[in-house]
Amino acid sequence: MGLDQAQALYDLVRGDEQLTRALFRQALQDPQGTLDQLLAIADAQGLEVSREDITAYLNTSADDATRQWLVKARGGL
């Protein structure tokens, strides 16, 4: 269930270009803060997802473009 919820969160973020860019910029400076922000978005949308679910999803299921920026933000994720 966690990865399904993380996928739903990912789809939500990807559907909002401005939010995607803001989270990307934040991740470059504050990866842990970005995870906190993602958890807050998930909570506001009624998605039950943990920090570990998000990290696992990004490490295993995300698309190539997402994996590329993860290399840049890897310090905290």
C-alpha atoms as a PDB file:
ATOM      1  CA  MET A   1       0.000   0.000   0.000  1.00  0.00           C
ATOM      2  CA  GLY A   2       2.797   2.441   0.817  1.00  0.00           C
ATOM      3  CA  LEU A   3       4.304   2.398  -2.657  1.00  0.00           C
ATOM      4  CA  ASP A   4       0.847   2.834  -4.205  1.00  0.00           C
ATOM      5  CA  GLN A   5       0.314   5.893  -2.025  1.00  0.00           C
ATOM      6  CA  ALA A   6       3.785   7.180  -2.908  1.00  0.00           C
ATOM      7  CA  GLN A   7       2.922   6.715  -6.601  1.00  0.00           C
ATOM      8  CA  ALA A   8      -0.265   8.719  -6.096  1.00  0.00           C
ATOM      9  CA  LEU A   9       1.735  11.471  -4.385  1.00  0.00           C
ATOM     10  CA  TYR A  10       4.309  11.437  -7.188  1.00  0.00           C
ATOM     11  CA  ASP A  11       1.548  11.711  -9.811  1.00  0.00           C
ATOM     12  CA  LEU A  12      -0.003  14.609  -7.910  1.00  0.00           C
ATOM     13  CA  VAL A  13       3.295  16.500  -7.757  1.00  0.00           C
ATOM     14  CA  ARG A  14       4.159  15.768 -11.399  1.00  0.00           C
ATOM     15  CA  GLY A  15       0.771  17.147 -12.418  1.00  0.00           C
ATOM     16  CA  ASP A  16       1.650  20.564 -10.973  1.00  0.00           C
ATOM     17  CA  GLU A  17       4.622  21.997 -12.854  1.00  0.00           C
ATOM     18  CA  GLN A  18       5.104  24.906 -10.454  1.00  0.00           C
ATOM     19  CA  LEU A  19       5.094  22.591  -7.428  1.00  0.00           C
ATOM     20  CA  THR A  20       7.486  20.194  -9.173  1.00  0.00           C
ATOM     21  CA  ARG A  21       9.965  23.015  -9.827  1.00  0.00           C
ATOM     22  CA  ALA A  22       9.665  24.369  -6.288  1.00  0.00           C
ATOM     23  CA  LEU A  23      10.291  20.940  -4.762  1.00  0.00           C
ATOM     24  CA  PHE A  24      13.238  20.358  -7.090  1.00  0.00           C
ATOM     25  CA  ARG A  25      14.835  23.658  -6.050  1.00  0.00           C
ATOM     26  CA  GLN A  26      14.201  22.882  -2.396  1.00  0.00           C
ATOM     27  CA  ALA A  27      15.669  19.380  -2.766  1.00  0.00           C
ATOM     28  CA  LEU A  28      18.939  20.813  -4.022  1.00  0.00           C
ATOM     29  CA  GLN A  29      19.294  22.890  -0.849  1.00  0.00           C
ATOM     30  CA  ASP A  30      17.323  20.956   1.762  1.00  0.00           C
ATOM     31  CA  PRO A  31      16.521  17.325   0.844  1.00  0.00           C
ATOM     32  CA  GLN A  32      15.098  16.500   4.285  1.00  0.00           C
ATOM     33  CA  GLY A  33      12.894  19.575   4.151  1.00  0.00           C
ATOM     34  CA  THR A  34      11.626  18.405   0.784  1.00  0.00           C
ATOM     35  CA  LEU A  35      10.641  15.064   2.280  1.00  0.00           C
ATOM     36  CA  ASP A  36       8.840  16.940   5.055  1.00  0.00           C
ATOM     37  CA  GLN A  37       7.022  19.006   2.427  1.00  0.00           C
ATOM     38  CA  LEU A  38       6.053  15.867   0.491  1.00  0.00           C
ATOM     39  CA  LEU A  39       4.695  14.313   3.689  1.00  0.00           C
ATOM     40  CA  ALA A  40       2.651  17.461   4.351  1.00  0.00           C
ATOM     41  CA  ILE A  41       1.234  17.370   0.810  1.00  0.00           C
ATOM     42  CA  ALA A  42       0.374  13.689   1.215  1.00  0.00           C
ATOM     43  CA  ASP A  43      -1.343  14.362   4.535  1.00  0.00           C
ATOM     44  CA  ALA A  44      -3.358  17.237   3.047  1.00  0.00           C
ATOM     45  CA  GLN A  45      -4.497  14.920   0.240  1.00  0.00           C
ATOM     46  CA  GLY A  46      -5.412  12.098   2.607  1.00  0.00           C
ATOM     47  CA  LEU A  47      -2.605   9.841   1.406  1.00  0.00           C
ATOM     48  CA  GLU A  48      -1.078   7.509   3.972  1.00  0.00           C
ATOM     49  CA  VAL A  49       2.587   7.553   3.050  1.00  0.00           C
ATOM     50  CA  SER A  50       5.736   7.509   5.146  1.00  0.00           C
ATOM     51  CA  ARG A  51       9.160   9.016   4.604  1.00  0.00           C
ATOM     52  CA  GLU A  52      10.414   5.475   3.936  1.00  0.00           C
ATOM     53  CA  ASP A  53       7.654   4.884   1.358  1.00  0.00           C
ATOM     54  CA  ILE A  54       8.651   8.026  -0.532  1.00  0.00           C
ATOM     55  CA  THR A  55      12.329   7.137  -0.469  1.00  0.00           C
ATOM     56  CA  ALA A  56      11.650   3.547  -1.554  1.00  0.00           C
ATOM     57  CA  TYR A  57       9.412   4.726  -4.389  1.00  0.00           C
ATOM     58  CA  LEU A  58      11.979   7.212  -5.639  1.00  0.00           C
ATOM     59  CA  ASN A  59      14.735   4.606  -5.486  1.00  0.00           C
ATOM     60  CA  THR A  60      12.802   1.863  -7.272  1.00  0.00           C
ATOM     61  CA  SER A  61       9.855   3.135  -9.277  1.00  0.00           C
ATOM     62  CA  ALA A  62      10.435   6.719 -10.352  1.00  0.00           C
ATOM     63  CA  ASP A  63      11.129   7.609 -13.954  1.00  0.00           C
ATOM     64  CA  ASP A  64      14.590   8.304 -15.369  1.00  0.00           C
ATOM     65  CA  ALA A  65      14.313  12.098 -15.090  1.00  0.00           C
ATOM     66  CA  THR A  66      13.468  11.824 -11.408  1.00  0.00           C
ATOM     67  CA  ARG A  67      16.333   9.441 -10.798  1.00  0.00           C
ATOM     68  CA  GLN A  68      18.718  11.899 -12.486  1.00  0.00           C
ATOM     69  CA  TRP A  69      17.819  14.761 -10.166  1.00  0.00           C
ATOM     70  CA  LEU A  70      18.031  12.398  -7.217  1.00  0.00           C
ATOM     71  CA  VAL A  71      21.729  12.092  -7.982  1.00  0.00           C
ATOM     72  CA  LYS A  72      21.983  15.846  -7.347  1.00  0.00           C
ATOM     73  CA  ALA A  73      19.880  15.797  -4.197  1.00  0.00           C
ATOM     74  CA  ARG A  74      21.131  12.462  -2.888  1.00  0.00           C
ATOM     75  CA  GLY A  75      22.732  13.921   0.220  1.00  0.00           C
ATOM     76  CA  GLY A  76      19.574  13.791   2.314  1.00  0.00           C
ATOM     77  CA  LEU A  77      17.456  11.243   0.543  1.00  0.00           C
END
